[in-house]
Amino acid sequence: MKDYPDKMTPEQVRAFRDDVLNIVGQIPYGRVTTYGTIALLAGWPSHSRMVGRTLRYTPSAEHLPCHRVVNKEGRTAPGWGGQRLLLEEEGVHFKPNGHVDMSRHFWEPL
């Protein structure tokens, strides 16, 4: 795991996890946001990779719309072929390169 210059205490890790799960739960149907946006909203802008790890390794995250989280270029998670299908079912459009059309579907509550 990356050695972050601004390391978290165990209490901060728990708060970060809770914030990430709360933010993901708010992403509206048919919209997407990025790992980096979630990290920023959670107060740890340099921790976008940790957002991904949180979503992958927190059992309760399976009940959240994690499929609505993509990278900053609109790419879906590697190894999760069903993510695109879930997004398309919500009306999310993809560009010819396979990336989400972020200009149409990006959600940023800032």
C-alpha atoms as a PDB file:
ATOM      1  CA  MET A   1       0.000   0.000   0.000  1.00  0.00           C
ATOM      2  CA  LYS A   2       1.218   3.470  -0.818  1.00  0.00           C
ATOM      3  CA  ASP A   3       2.913   5.279   2.016  1.00  0.00           C
ATOM      4  CA  TYR A   4       0.874   8.479   2.179  1.00  0.00           C
ATOM      5  CA  PRO A   5       2.690  11.587   3.408  1.00  0.00           C
ATOM      6  CA  ASP A   6      -0.356  12.453   5.518  1.00  0.00           C
ATOM      7  CA  LYS A   7      -0.942   9.159   7.303  1.00  0.00           C
ATOM      8  CA  MET A   8      -4.215   8.498   9.086  1.00  0.00           C
ATOM      9  CA  THR A   9      -4.758   7.423  12.640  1.00  0.00           C
ATOM     10  CA  PRO A  10      -7.053   4.425  13.181  1.00  0.00           C
ATOM     11  CA  GLU A  11      -9.837   6.830  14.147  1.00  0.00           C
ATOM     12  CA  GLN A  12      -9.331   8.819  10.933  1.00  0.00           C
ATOM     13  CA  VAL A  13      -9.410   5.597   8.894  1.00  0.00           C
ATOM     14  CA  ARG A  14     -12.794   4.694  10.402  1.00  0.00           C
ATOM     15  CA  ALA A  15     -14.145   8.204   9.811  1.00  0.00           C
ATOM     16  CA  PHE A  16     -12.822   8.150   6.234  1.00  0.00           C
ATOM     17  CA  ARG A  17     -14.509   4.794   5.589  1.00  0.00           C
ATOM     18  CA  ASP A  18     -17.801   6.069   6.976  1.00  0.00           C
ATOM     19  CA  ASP A  19     -17.556   9.270   4.922  1.00  0.00           C
ATOM     20  CA  VAL A  20     -16.760   7.342   1.728  1.00  0.00           C
ATOM     21  CA  LEU A  21     -19.720   5.010   2.207  1.00  0.00           C
ATOM     22  CA  ASN A  22     -22.012   7.944   2.980  1.00  0.00           C
ATOM     23  CA  ILE A  23     -20.906   9.861  -0.130  1.00  0.00           C
ATOM     24  CA  VAL A  24     -21.261   6.842  -2.416  1.00  0.00           C
ATOM     25  CA  GLY A  25     -24.761   6.299  -1.067  1.00  0.00           C
ATOM     26  CA  GLN A  26     -25.690   9.806  -2.241  1.00  0.00           C
ATOM     27  CA  ILE A  27     -24.642   9.460  -5.896  1.00  0.00           C
ATOM     28  CA  PRO A  28     -27.852   9.908  -7.886  1.00  0.00           C
ATOM     29  CA  TYR A  29     -29.248   7.374 -10.329  1.00  0.00           C
ATOM     30  CA  GLY A  30     -27.789   7.908 -13.802  1.00  0.00           C
ATOM     31  CA  ARG A  31     -24.819   9.906 -12.529  1.00  0.00           C
ATOM     32  CA  VAL A  32     -21.218   9.022 -11.698  1.00  0.00           C
ATOM     33  CA  THR A  33     -18.448  10.535  -9.642  1.00  0.00           C
ATOM     34  CA  THR A  34     -14.750   9.827  -9.270  1.00  0.00           C
ATOM     35  CA  TYR A  35     -12.557   8.280  -6.634  1.00  0.00           C
ATOM     36  CA  GLY A  36     -10.749  11.617  -6.366  1.00  0.00           C
ATOM     37  CA  THR A  37     -13.947  13.587  -5.841  1.00  0.00           C
ATOM     38  CA  ILE A  38     -14.984  11.232  -3.056  1.00  0.00           C
ATOM     39  CA  ALA A  39     -11.557  11.544  -1.411  1.00  0.00           C
ATOM     40  CA  LEU A  40     -11.803  15.338  -1.622  1.00  0.00           C
ATOM     41  CA  LEU A  41     -15.297  15.356  -0.139  1.00  0.00           C
ATOM     42  CA  ALA A  42     -14.089  13.081   2.661  1.00  0.00           C
ATOM     43  CA  GLY A  43     -11.338  15.573   3.475  1.00  0.00           C
ATOM     44  CA  TRP A  44      -8.387  13.530   2.189  1.00  0.00           C
ATOM     45  CA  PRO A  45      -7.801  14.700  -1.402  1.00  0.00           C
ATOM     46  CA  SER A  46      -4.630  12.629  -1.881  1.00  0.00           C
ATOM     47  CA  HIS A  47      -6.381   9.371  -0.972  1.00  0.00           C
ATOM     48  CA  SER A  48      -8.349   8.447  -4.098  1.00  0.00           C
ATOM     49  CA  ARG A  49      -6.789   4.977  -4.193  1.00  0.00           C
ATOM     50  CA  MET A  50      -7.893   4.434  -0.640  1.00  0.00           C
ATOM     51  CA  VAL A  51     -11.461   5.185  -1.749  1.00  0.00           C
ATOM     52  CA  GLY A  52     -11.221   2.274  -4.159  1.00  0.00           C
ATOM     53  CA  ARG A  53      -9.803  -0.010  -1.496  1.00  0.00           C
ATOM     54  CA  THR A  54     -12.524   1.039   0.917  1.00  0.00           C
ATOM     55  CA  LEU A  55     -15.226   0.168  -1.585  1.00  0.00           C
ATOM     56  CA  ARG A  56     -13.602  -3.122  -2.463  1.00  0.00           C
ATOM     57  CA  TYR A  57     -12.891  -4.369   1.051  1.00  0.00           C
ATOM     58  CA  THR A  58     -15.835  -3.074   3.093  1.00  0.00           C
ATOM     59  CA  PRO A  59     -18.552  -5.750   3.111  1.00  0.00           C
ATOM     60  CA  SER A  60     -21.405  -3.263   3.597  1.00  0.00           C
ATOM     61  CA  ALA A  61     -20.359  -1.434   0.407  1.00  0.00           C
ATOM     62  CA  GLU A  62     -22.006  -4.152  -1.677  1.00  0.00           C
ATOM     63  CA  HIS A  63     -25.354  -2.566  -0.800  1.00  0.00           C
ATOM     64  CA  LEU A  64     -24.292   0.818  -2.198  1.00  0.00           C
ATOM     65  CA  PRO A  65     -24.215   2.077  -5.792  1.00  0.00           C
ATOM     66  CA  CYS A  66     -20.451   1.521  -6.090  1.00  0.00           C
ATOM     67  CA  HIS A  67     -20.904   1.042  -9.830  1.00  0.00           C
ATOM     68  CA  ARG A  68     -21.389   4.817 -10.040  1.00  0.00           C
ATOM     69  CA  VAL A  69     -17.739   5.448  -9.125  1.00  0.00           C
ATOM     70  CA  VAL A  70     -15.243   5.700 -11.990  1.00  0.00           C
ATOM     71  CA  ASN A  71     -11.797   7.171 -12.448  1.00  0.00           C
ATOM     72  CA  LYS A  72     -11.255  10.794 -13.461  1.00  0.00           C
ATOM     73  CA  GLU A  73     -11.242   9.873 -17.152  1.00  0.00           C
ATOM     74  CA  GLY A  74     -14.524   7.984 -16.874  1.00  0.00           C
ATOM     75  CA  ARG A  75     -12.992   4.518 -17.025  1.00  0.00           C
ATOM     76  CA  THR A  76     -14.763   1.743 -15.183  1.00  0.00           C
ATOM     77  CA  ALA A  77     -13.031  -0.485 -12.651  1.00  0.00           C
ATOM     78  CA  PRO A  78     -10.693  -3.052 -14.205  1.00  0.00           C
ATOM     79  CA  GLY A  79     -11.963  -6.589 -13.861  1.00  0.00           C
ATOM     80  CA  TRP A  80     -15.576  -5.569 -13.237  1.00  0.00           C
ATOM     81  CA  GLY A  81     -17.325  -6.145 -16.538  1.00  0.00           C
ATOM     82  CA  GLY A  82     -20.766  -5.729 -14.989  1.00  0.00           C
ATOM     83  CA  GLN A  83     -20.121  -2.123 -14.004  1.00  0.00           C
ATOM     84  CA  ARG A  84     -20.718  -0.834 -17.518  1.00  0.00           C
ATOM     85  CA  LEU A  85     -23.931  -2.838 -17.814  1.00  0.00           C
ATOM     86  CA  LEU A  86     -25.247  -1.429 -14.530  1.00  0.00           C
ATOM     87  CA  LEU A  87     -24.457   2.108 -15.648  1.00  0.00           C
ATOM     88  CA  GLU A  88     -26.035   1.605 -19.062  1.00  0.00           C
ATOM     89  CA  GLU A  89     -29.188   0.329 -17.359  1.00  0.00           C
ATOM     90  CA  GLU A  90     -29.325   3.714 -15.611  1.00  0.00           C
ATOM     91  CA  GLY A  91     -29.011   5.572 -18.907  1.00  0.00           C
ATOM     92  CA  VAL A  92     -25.336   6.473 -18.566  1.00  0.00           C
ATOM     93  CA  HIS A  93     -23.766   7.066 -21.983  1.00  0.00           C
ATOM     94  CA  PHE A  94     -20.309   5.918 -22.982  1.00  0.00           C
ATOM     95  CA  LYS A  95     -17.985   7.512 -25.508  1.00  0.00           C
ATOM     96  CA  PRO A  96     -16.489   5.466 -28.370  1.00  0.00           C
ATOM     97  CA  ASN A  97     -13.335   4.881 -26.285  1.00  0.00           C
ATOM     98  CA  GLY A  98     -15.406   3.041 -23.650  1.00  0.00           C
ATOM     99  CA  HIS A  99     -15.264   5.806 -21.042  1.00  0.00           C
ATOM    100  CA  VAL A 100     -18.305   7.331 -19.372  1.00  0.00           C
ATOM    101  CA  ASP A 101     -19.359  10.619 -20.953  1.00  0.00           C
ATOM    102  CA  MET A 102     -18.366  12.681 -17.927  1.00  0.00           C
ATOM    103  CA  SER A 103     -19.684  15.921 -19.426  1.00  0.00           C
ATOM    104  CA  ARG A 104     -23.194  14.436 -19.281  1.00  0.00           C
ATOM    105  CA  HIS A 105     -23.132  12.261 -16.186  1.00  0.00           C
ATOM    106  CA  PHE A 106     -20.569  13.627 -13.694  1.00  0.00           C
ATOM    107  CA  TRP A 107     -21.959  14.331 -10.224  1.00  0.00           C
ATOM    108  CA  GLU A 108     -20.100  16.730  -7.947  1.00  0.00           C
ATOM    109  CA  PRO A 109     -22.043  18.053  -4.967  1.00  0.00           C
ATOM    110  CA  LEU A 110     -19.521  20.823  -4.255  1.00  0.00           C
END
